[in-house]
C-alpha atoms as a PDB file:
ATOM      1  CA  MET A   1      22.652   8.333  -9.323  1.00  0.00           C
ATOM      2  CA  THR A   2      21.863  12.023  -9.798  1.00  0.00           C
ATOM      3  CA  ALA A   3      21.373  14.325  -6.810  1.00  0.00           C
ATOM      4  CA  ASP A   4      17.620  14.292  -7.466  1.00  0.00           C
ATOM      5  CA  ASN A   5      17.552  10.460  -7.468  1.00  0.00           C
ATOM      6  CA  ILE A   6      19.547  10.363  -4.281  1.00  0.00           C
ATOM      7  CA  TRP A   7      17.071  12.713  -2.581  1.00  0.00           C
ATOM      8  CA  LYS A   8      14.159  10.604  -3.798  1.00  0.00           C
ATOM      9  CA  PHE A   9      15.888   7.506  -2.472  1.00  0.00           C
ATOM     10  CA  ILE A  10      16.418   9.154   0.928  1.00  0.00           C
ATOM     11  CA  LEU A  11      12.717  10.066   1.088  1.00  0.00           C
ATOM     12  CA  SER A  12      11.772   6.520   0.132  1.00  0.00           C
ATOM     13  CA  LEU A  13      13.658   5.299   3.177  1.00  0.00           C
ATOM     14  CA  THR A  14      10.864   6.714   5.309  1.00  0.00           C
ATOM     15  CA  ALA A  15       9.399   3.265   4.674  1.00  0.00           C
ATOM     16  CA  ALA A  16      11.901   2.125   7.327  1.00  0.00           C
ATOM     17  CA  PHE A  17      10.022   4.114  10.009  1.00  0.00           C
ATOM     18  CA  PRO A  18       6.897   1.914  10.200  1.00  0.00           C
ATOM     19  CA  ALA A  19       9.020  -1.175   9.486  1.00  0.00           C
ATOM     20  CA  ILE A  20      11.350  -0.552  12.428  1.00  0.00           C
ATOM     21  CA  VAL A  21       8.464   0.262  14.760  1.00  0.00           C
ATOM     22  CA  GLY A  22       6.628  -2.846  13.569  1.00  0.00           C
ATOM     23  CA  ALA A  23       9.694  -5.078  14.001  1.00  0.00           C
ATOM     24  CA  LEU A  24      10.281  -3.807  17.560  1.00  0.00           C
ATOM     25  CA  ARG A  25       6.637  -4.385  18.531  1.00  0.00           C
ATOM     26  CA  LEU A  26       5.961  -7.485  16.420  1.00  0.00           C
ATOM     27  CA  LYS A  27       5.595  -9.970  19.271  1.00  0.00           C
ATOM     28  CA  LYS A  28       3.406  -7.680  21.364  1.00  0.00           C
ATOM     29  CA  ILE A  29       0.877  -6.131  18.960  1.00  0.00           C
ATOM     30  CA  ASP A  30      -2.642  -7.274  18.147  1.00  0.00           C
ATOM     31  CA  ILE A  31      -2.424 -10.026  15.524  1.00  0.00           C
ATOM     32  CA  SER A  32      -5.326  -8.503  13.613  1.00  0.00           C
ATOM     33  CA  PHE A  33      -2.725  -6.052  12.216  1.00  0.00           C
ATOM     34  CA  ARG A  34      -0.382  -8.830  11.118  1.00  0.00           C
ATOM     35  CA  PRO A  35      -0.816  -8.389   7.309  1.00  0.00           C
ATOM     36  CA  PHE A  36      -0.061  -4.671   7.601  1.00  0.00           C
ATOM     37  CA  ILE A  37       3.099  -5.385   9.579  1.00  0.00           C
ATOM     38  CA  VAL A  38       4.210  -7.813   6.876  1.00  0.00           C
ATOM     39  CA  TYR A  39       3.446  -5.118   4.310  1.00  0.00           C
ATOM     40  CA  VAL A  40       5.537  -2.365   5.967  1.00  0.00           C
ATOM     41  CA  LEU A  41       8.443  -4.754   6.610  1.00  0.00           C
ATOM     42  CA  ALA A  42       8.424  -5.948   2.992  1.00  0.00           C
ATOM     43  CA  SER A  43       8.062  -2.385   1.724  1.00  0.00           C
ATOM     44  CA  ALA A  44      11.185  -1.249   3.543  1.00  0.00           C
ATOM     45  CA  ILE A  45      13.242  -4.192   2.201  1.00  0.00           C
ATOM     46  CA  ILE A  46      11.938  -3.588  -1.316  1.00  0.00           C
ATOM     47  CA  GLU A  47      12.796   0.138  -1.198  1.00  0.00           C
ATOM     48  CA  LEU A  48      16.381  -0.753  -0.281  1.00  0.00           C
ATOM     49  CA  ILE A  49      16.693  -3.383  -3.026  1.00  0.00           C
ATOM     50  CA  VAL A  50      15.082  -1.172  -5.693  1.00  0.00           C
ATOM     51  CA  GLY A  51      17.056   1.951  -4.682  1.00  0.00           C
ATOM     52  CA  LEU A  52      20.455   0.353  -4.228  1.00  0.00           C
ATOM     53  CA  VAL A  53      20.444  -2.507  -6.730  1.00  0.00           C
ATOM     54  CA  ILE A  54      17.746  -2.368  -9.385  1.00  0.00           C
ATOM     55  CA  ILE A  55      17.540   1.321 -10.361  1.00  0.00           C
ATOM     56  CA  PRO A  56      21.295   2.034 -10.588  1.00  0.00           C
ATOM     57  CA  TYR A  57      22.244  -1.179 -12.391  1.00  0.00           C
ATOM     58  CA  PHE A  58      19.212  -2.946 -13.852  1.00  0.00           C
ATOM     59  CA  LYS A  59      16.827  -0.304 -15.112  1.00  0.00           C
ATOM     60  CA  GLU A  60      15.372  -2.705 -17.659  1.00  0.00           C
ATOM     61  CA  ILE A  61      13.813  -4.861 -14.962  1.00  0.00           C
ATOM     62  CA  LYS A  62      12.440  -1.978 -12.894  1.00  0.00           C
ATOM     63  CA  VAL A  63       8.978  -2.326 -14.413  1.00  0.00           C
ATOM     64  CA  LEU A  64       9.027  -6.103 -13.883  1.00  0.00           C
ATOM     65  CA  VAL A  65       9.743  -5.680 -10.207  1.00  0.00           C
ATOM     66  CA  TRP A  66       7.201  -2.876  -9.930  1.00  0.00           C
ATOM     67  CA  ASN A  67       4.416  -5.050 -11.435  1.00  0.00           C
ATOM     68  CA  CYS A  68       5.198  -7.879  -8.948  1.00  0.00           C
ATOM     69  CA  ILE A  69       5.230  -5.438  -6.031  1.00  0.00           C
ATOM     70  CA  ASN A  70       1.828  -4.076  -7.066  1.00  0.00           C
ATOM     71  CA  LEU A  71       0.306  -7.569  -6.869  1.00  0.00           C
ATOM     72  CA  PHE A  72       1.797  -8.061  -3.423  1.00  0.00           C
ATOM     73  CA  GLU A  73       0.539  -4.690  -2.240  1.00  0.00           C
ATOM     74  CA  ALA A  74      -2.977  -5.281  -3.556  1.00  0.00           C
ATOM     75  CA  THR A  75      -3.386  -8.739  -2.005  1.00  0.00           C
ATOM     76  CA  ILE A  76      -1.733  -8.115   1.398  1.00  0.00           C
ATOM     77  CA  LEU A  77      -3.689  -4.901   2.022  1.00  0.00           C
ATOM     78  CA  LEU A  78      -6.960  -6.522   0.925  1.00  0.00           C
ATOM     79  CA  LEU A  79      -6.129  -9.329   3.397  1.00  0.00           C
ATOM     80  CA  GLN A  80      -5.621  -6.688   6.092  1.00  0.00           C
ATOM     81  CA  PHE A  81      -9.173  -5.431   5.625  1.00  0.00           C
ATOM     82  CA  TYR A  82     -10.370  -8.999   6.010  1.00  0.00           C
ATOM     83  CA  TYR A  83      -8.518  -9.196   9.340  1.00  0.00           C
ATOM     84  CA  TRP A  84     -10.262  -5.951  10.299  1.00  0.00           C
ATOM     85  CA  LYS A  85     -13.591  -7.722   9.619  1.00  0.00           C
ATOM     86  CA  ARG A  86     -14.651  -5.451   6.779  1.00  0.00           C
ATOM     87  CA  PHE A  87     -15.978  -8.608   5.083  1.00  0.00           C
ATOM     88  CA  GLN A  88     -17.479 -10.187   8.192  1.00  0.00           C
ATOM     89  CA  LYS A  89     -20.946 -10.289   6.690  1.00  0.00           C
ATOM     90  CA  PHE A  90     -19.720 -10.915   3.134  1.00  0.00           C
ATOM     91  CA  LYS A  91     -16.966 -13.530   3.450  1.00  0.00           C
ATOM     92  CA  LYS A  92     -17.657 -15.033   0.017  1.00  0.00           C
ATOM     93  CA  LEU A  93     -17.317 -11.568  -1.479  1.00  0.00           C
ATOM     94  CA  PHE A  94     -13.784 -11.346  -0.050  1.00  0.00           C
ATOM     95  CA  PHE A  95     -12.718 -14.508  -1.915  1.00  0.00           C
ATOM     96  CA  VAL A  96     -14.401 -13.296  -5.089  1.00  0.00           C
ATOM     97  CA  ILE A  97     -12.624  -9.930  -4.968  1.00  0.00           C
ATOM     98  CA  PHE A  98      -9.298 -11.556  -3.987  1.00  0.00           C
ATOM     99  CA  SER A  99      -9.571 -13.978  -6.934  1.00  0.00           C
ATOM    100  CA  LEU A 100     -10.556 -11.217  -9.354  1.00  0.00           C
ATOM    101  CA  ILE A 101      -7.563  -9.136  -8.349  1.00  0.00           C
ATOM    102  CA  ILE A 102      -5.180 -11.978  -9.081  1.00  0.00           C
ATOM    103  CA  LEU A 103      -7.004 -12.819 -12.329  1.00  0.00           C
ATOM    104  CA  GLU A 104      -6.915  -9.191 -13.461  1.00  0.00           C
ATOM    105  CA  TRP A 105      -3.168  -9.013 -12.771  1.00  0.00           C
ATOM    106  CA  VAL A 106      -2.505 -12.238 -14.703  1.00  0.00           C
ATOM    107  CA  VAL A 107      -4.614 -11.197 -17.702  1.00  0.00           C
ATOM    108  CA  GLU A 108      -3.117  -7.717 -17.936  1.00  0.00           C
ATOM    109  CA  ASN A 109       0.503  -8.905 -17.473  1.00  0.00           C
ATOM    110  CA  PHE A 110       0.423 -12.110 -19.528  1.00  0.00           C
ATOM    111  CA  VAL A 111      -2.461 -11.763 -22.010  1.00  0.00           C
ATOM    112  CA  VAL A 112      -3.049  -8.098 -22.824  1.00  0.00           C
ATOM    113  CA  HIS A 113       0.537  -6.943 -22.312  1.00  0.00           C
ATOM    114  CA  ASN A 114       3.529  -8.365 -20.434  1.00  0.00           C
ATOM    115  CA  LEU A 115       5.480  -7.912 -17.184  1.00  0.00           C
ATOM    116  CA  PHE A 116       7.793  -5.340 -18.761  1.00  0.00           C
ATOM    117  CA  TYR A 117       4.899  -3.040 -19.698  1.00  0.00           C
ATOM    118  CA  PHE A 118       3.248  -0.325 -17.572  1.00  0.00           C
ATOM    119  CA  ASN A 119      -0.143  -1.867 -16.831  1.00  0.00           C
ATOM    120  CA  SER A 120      -2.317   0.964 -15.636  1.00  0.00           C
ATOM    121  CA  PHE A 121      -5.722  -0.641 -15.344  1.00  0.00           C
ATOM    122  CA  PHE A 122      -4.680  -2.982 -12.501  1.00  0.00           C
ATOM    123  CA  LEU A 123      -2.979  -0.123 -10.657  1.00  0.00           C
ATOM    124  CA  ILE A 124      -6.005   2.119 -10.890  1.00  0.00           C
ATOM    125  CA  SER A 125      -8.564  -0.542  -9.998  1.00  0.00           C
ATOM    126  CA  TYR A 126      -6.832  -1.904  -6.912  1.00  0.00           C
ATOM    127  CA  SER A 127      -6.003   1.613  -5.687  1.00  0.00           C
ATOM    128  CA  PHE A 128      -9.687   2.523  -6.039  1.00  0.00           C
ATOM    129  CA  LEU A 129     -10.694  -0.637  -4.107  1.00  0.00           C
ATOM    130  CA  LEU A 130      -8.326   0.184  -1.263  1.00  0.00           C
ATOM    131  CA  VAL A 131      -9.618   3.736  -1.064  1.00  0.00           C
ATOM    132  CA  LEU A 132     -13.201   2.492  -0.810  1.00  0.00           C
ATOM    133  CA  LEU A 133     -12.299   0.013   1.939  1.00  0.00           C
ATOM    134  CA  SER A 134     -10.346   2.665   3.797  1.00  0.00           C
ATOM    135  CA  VAL A 135     -13.242   5.130   3.658  1.00  0.00           C
ATOM    136  CA  GLN A 136     -15.641   2.435   4.816  1.00  0.00           C
ATOM    137  CA  THR A 137     -13.341   1.650   7.769  1.00  0.00           C
ATOM    138  CA  VAL A 138     -12.987   5.303   8.696  1.00  0.00           C
ATOM    139  CA  ASN A 139     -16.778   5.731   8.649  1.00  0.00           C
ATOM    140  CA  TYR A 140     -17.216   2.634  10.843  1.00  0.00           C
ATOM    141  CA  ILE A 141     -14.645   3.949  13.333  1.00  0.00           C
ATOM    142  CA  ILE A 142     -16.311   7.380  13.545  1.00  0.00           C
ATOM    143  CA  VAL A 143     -19.783   5.868  14.112  1.00  0.00           C
ATOM    144  CA  ASN A 144     -18.944   2.879  16.331  1.00  0.00           C
ATOM    145  CA  GLU A 145     -15.713   3.705  18.179  1.00  0.00           C
ATOM    146  CA  ARG A 146     -16.433   7.143  19.595  1.00  0.00           C
ATOM    147  CA  ARG A 147     -15.036   6.216  23.021  1.00  0.00           C
ATOM    148  CA  PHE A 148     -11.559   6.488  21.567  1.00  0.00           C
ATOM    149  CA  ALA A 149      -9.902   9.626  20.209  1.00  0.00           C
ATOM    150  CA  LEU A 150      -9.366   9.307  16.468  1.00  0.00           C
ATOM    151  CA  THR A 151      -5.774  10.391  16.856  1.00  0.00           C
ATOM    152  CA  ASP A 152      -5.206   7.385  19.121  1.00  0.00           C
ATOM    153  CA  ASN A 153      -6.836   4.884  16.785  1.00  0.00           C
ATOM    154  CA  PRO A 154      -4.269   3.000  14.676  1.00  0.00           C
ATOM    155  CA  LYS A 155      -6.855   1.875  12.105  1.00  0.00           C
ATOM    156  CA  PHE A 156      -8.019   5.414  11.572  1.00  0.00           C
ATOM    157  CA  ILE A 157      -4.486   6.758  11.089  1.00  0.00           C
ATOM    158  CA  ILE A 158      -3.486   3.916   8.766  1.00  0.00           C
ATOM    159  CA  CYS A 159      -6.680   4.251   6.685  1.00  0.00           C
ATOM    160  CA  VAL A 160      -6.273   8.038   6.361  1.00  0.00           C
ATOM    161  CA  ALA A 161      -2.726   7.455   5.082  1.00  0.00           C
ATOM    162  CA  MET A 162      -4.030   4.894   2.593  1.00  0.00           C
ATOM    163  CA  ILE A 163      -6.712   7.252   1.369  1.00  0.00           C
ATOM    164  CA  ILE A 164      -4.225  10.039   0.733  1.00  0.00           C
ATOM    165  CA  PHE A 165      -1.630   7.762  -0.861  1.00  0.00           C
ATOM    166  CA  PHE A 166      -3.914   5.764  -3.127  1.00  0.00           C
ATOM    167  CA  ILE A 167      -6.045   8.691  -4.277  1.00  0.00           C
ATOM    168  CA  TYR A 168      -2.901  10.397  -5.484  1.00  0.00           C
ATOM    169  CA  ASN A 169      -1.796   7.124  -7.111  1.00  0.00           C
ATOM    170  CA  ILE A 170      -5.107   6.964  -8.994  1.00  0.00           C
ATOM    171  CA  PHE A 171      -4.511  10.506 -10.220  1.00  0.00           C
ATOM    172  CA  VAL A 172      -0.953   9.688 -11.361  1.00  0.00           C
ATOM    173  CA  TYR A 173      -1.790   6.353 -12.998  1.00  0.00           C
ATOM    174  CA  THR A 174      -4.763   7.823 -14.816  1.00  0.00           C
ATOM    175  CA  LEU A 175      -2.563  10.523 -16.351  1.00  0.00           C
ATOM    176  CA  MET A 176       0.001   7.897 -17.343  1.00  0.00           C
ATOM    177  CA  ALA A 177      -2.698   5.720 -18.905  1.00  0.00           C
ATOM    178  CA  LYS A 178      -3.770   8.695 -21.015  1.00  0.00           C
ATOM    179  CA  GLY A 179      -0.191   9.111 -22.294  1.00  0.00           C
ATOM    180  CA  ILE A 180       0.585  12.362 -20.465  1.00  0.00           C
ATOM    181  CA  ARG A 181       3.955  10.887 -19.530  1.00  0.00           C
ATOM    182  CA  VAL A 182       4.913  10.838 -23.227  1.00  0.00           C
ATOM    183  CA  TYR A 183       3.335  14.101 -24.342  1.00  0.00           C
ATOM    184  CA  ASP A 184       4.231  16.280 -21.355  1.00  0.00           C
ATOM    185  CA  LYS A 185       7.296  14.950 -19.537  1.00  0.00           C
ATOM    186  CA  THR A 186       7.742  18.210 -17.626  1.00  0.00           C
ATOM    187  CA  LEU A 187       4.287  17.950 -16.076  1.00  0.00           C
ATOM    188  CA  MET A 188       4.731  14.290 -15.185  1.00  0.00           C
ATOM    189  CA  GLY A 189       8.115  15.086 -13.651  1.00  0.00           C
ATOM    190  CA  LYS A 190       6.464  17.577 -11.284  1.00  0.00           C
ATOM    191  CA  ILE A 191       3.680  15.130 -10.491  1.00  0.00           C
ATOM    192  CA  PHE A 192       6.151  12.371  -9.684  1.00  0.00           C
ATOM    193  CA  ALA A 193       8.107  14.782  -7.518  1.00  0.00           C
ATOM    194  CA  ILE A 194       4.950  15.431  -5.449  1.00  0.00           C
ATOM    195  CA  GLN A 195       4.291  11.717  -5.276  1.00  0.00           C
ATOM    196  CA  VAL A 196       7.614  11.144  -3.508  1.00  0.00           C
ATOM    197  CA  TYR A 197       6.505  13.496  -0.723  1.00  0.00           C
ATOM    198  CA  ILE A 198       3.026  11.941  -0.564  1.00  0.00           C
ATOM    199  CA  ASN A 199       4.673   8.563  -0.155  1.00  0.00           C
ATOM    200  CA  ALA A 200       6.983   9.847   2.617  1.00  0.00           C
ATOM    201  CA  PHE A 201       4.032  11.470   4.433  1.00  0.00           C
ATOM    202  CA  ALA A 202       2.055   8.195   4.254  1.00  0.00           C
ATOM    203  CA  ASN A 203       5.017   6.281   5.635  1.00  0.00           C
ATOM    204  CA  VAL A 204       5.242   8.658   8.632  1.00  0.00           C
ATOM    205  CA  LEU A 205       1.500   8.156   9.309  1.00  0.00           C
ATOM    206  CA  TYR A 206       1.925   4.394   8.960  1.00  0.00           C
ATOM    207  CA  GLY A 207       4.703   4.570  11.528  1.00  0.00           C
ATOM    208  CA  PHE A 208       2.514   6.397  14.061  1.00  0.00           C
ATOM    209  CA  GLY A 209      -0.304   3.990  13.334  1.00  0.00           C
ATOM    210  CA  VAL A 210       1.923   0.981  13.996  1.00  0.00           C
ATOM    211  CA  TYR A 211       3.188   2.607  17.232  1.00  0.00           C
ATOM    212  CA  LEU A 212      -0.442   2.903  18.434  1.00  0.00           C
ATOM    213  CA  ILE A 213      -1.435  -0.681  17.690  1.00  0.00           C
ATOM    214  CA  PRO A 214      -2.692  -2.218  20.962  1.00  0.00           C
ATOM    215  CA  LYS A 215      -1.143  -5.299  22.512  1.00  0.00           C
ATOM    216  CA  LYS A 216      -2.506  -8.625  21.345  1.00  0.00           C
ATOM    217  CA  ALA A 217      -5.168 -10.493  23.259  1.00  0.00           C
ATOM    218  CA  ALA A 218      -4.135 -14.040  24.184  1.00  0.00           C
ATOM    219  CA  ASP A 219      -7.435 -15.592  23.119  1.00  0.00           C
ATOM    220  CA  LYS A 220      -7.704 -14.065  19.601  1.00  0.00           C
ATOM    221  CA  GLU A 221      -7.713 -16.336  16.588  1.00  0.00           C
ATOM    222  CA  MET A 222      -4.793 -16.204  14.207  1.00  0.00           C
ATOM    223  CA  PHE A 223      -6.997 -15.880  11.136  1.00  0.00           C
ATOM    224  CA  PRO A 224     -10.485 -14.607  12.112  1.00  0.00           C
ATOM    225  CA  GLY A 225     -13.348 -15.933  10.075  1.00  0.00           C
ATOM    226  CA  PHE A 226     -11.823 -19.127   8.686  1.00  0.00           C
END
């Protein structure tokens, strides 16, 4: 690995921050945050596997792993918004969106292209969906949860991190879809360099958000709404 790749790998390890905090508080925190805890734990493990095993030795399967990770990220975070009752009045809509996400991933990776191809449409669409849900959640918190300081609200911090992270992802994936990566590698190199820091910043916010998650209530349902 080059010095630049080593530095990127070190920054990617910021994913361990929310994962460690989540692991330490797993038995105590509100179960409505369970999907997000699974997400940060899995992200930390994936970063280690990708950085230590796949990138140095199996570059040809990097895209394959990336495509699978994207499906996991899209579905687990959508499930998190269900736990946060963003679909409380539209439960059928949740299942429709969840099914469409999986269908879109299958079509793009097995019909239009394949698992070894950069499939931009899925990346852009699910990132856009998560940004919309995050903005909706932030608005709800500001209007309905004024008794709590925003800086002490784990949902607010996590959603702000998602907004920053996925908006930048939309920007990056859109440029890649337009072929900028091929025609201007220098520009894309700079954009990817910024993305590493955006990712690290989001991980730090995730960590603080996980730290602020309240203790679970004994009488809450494991899967609200079902």
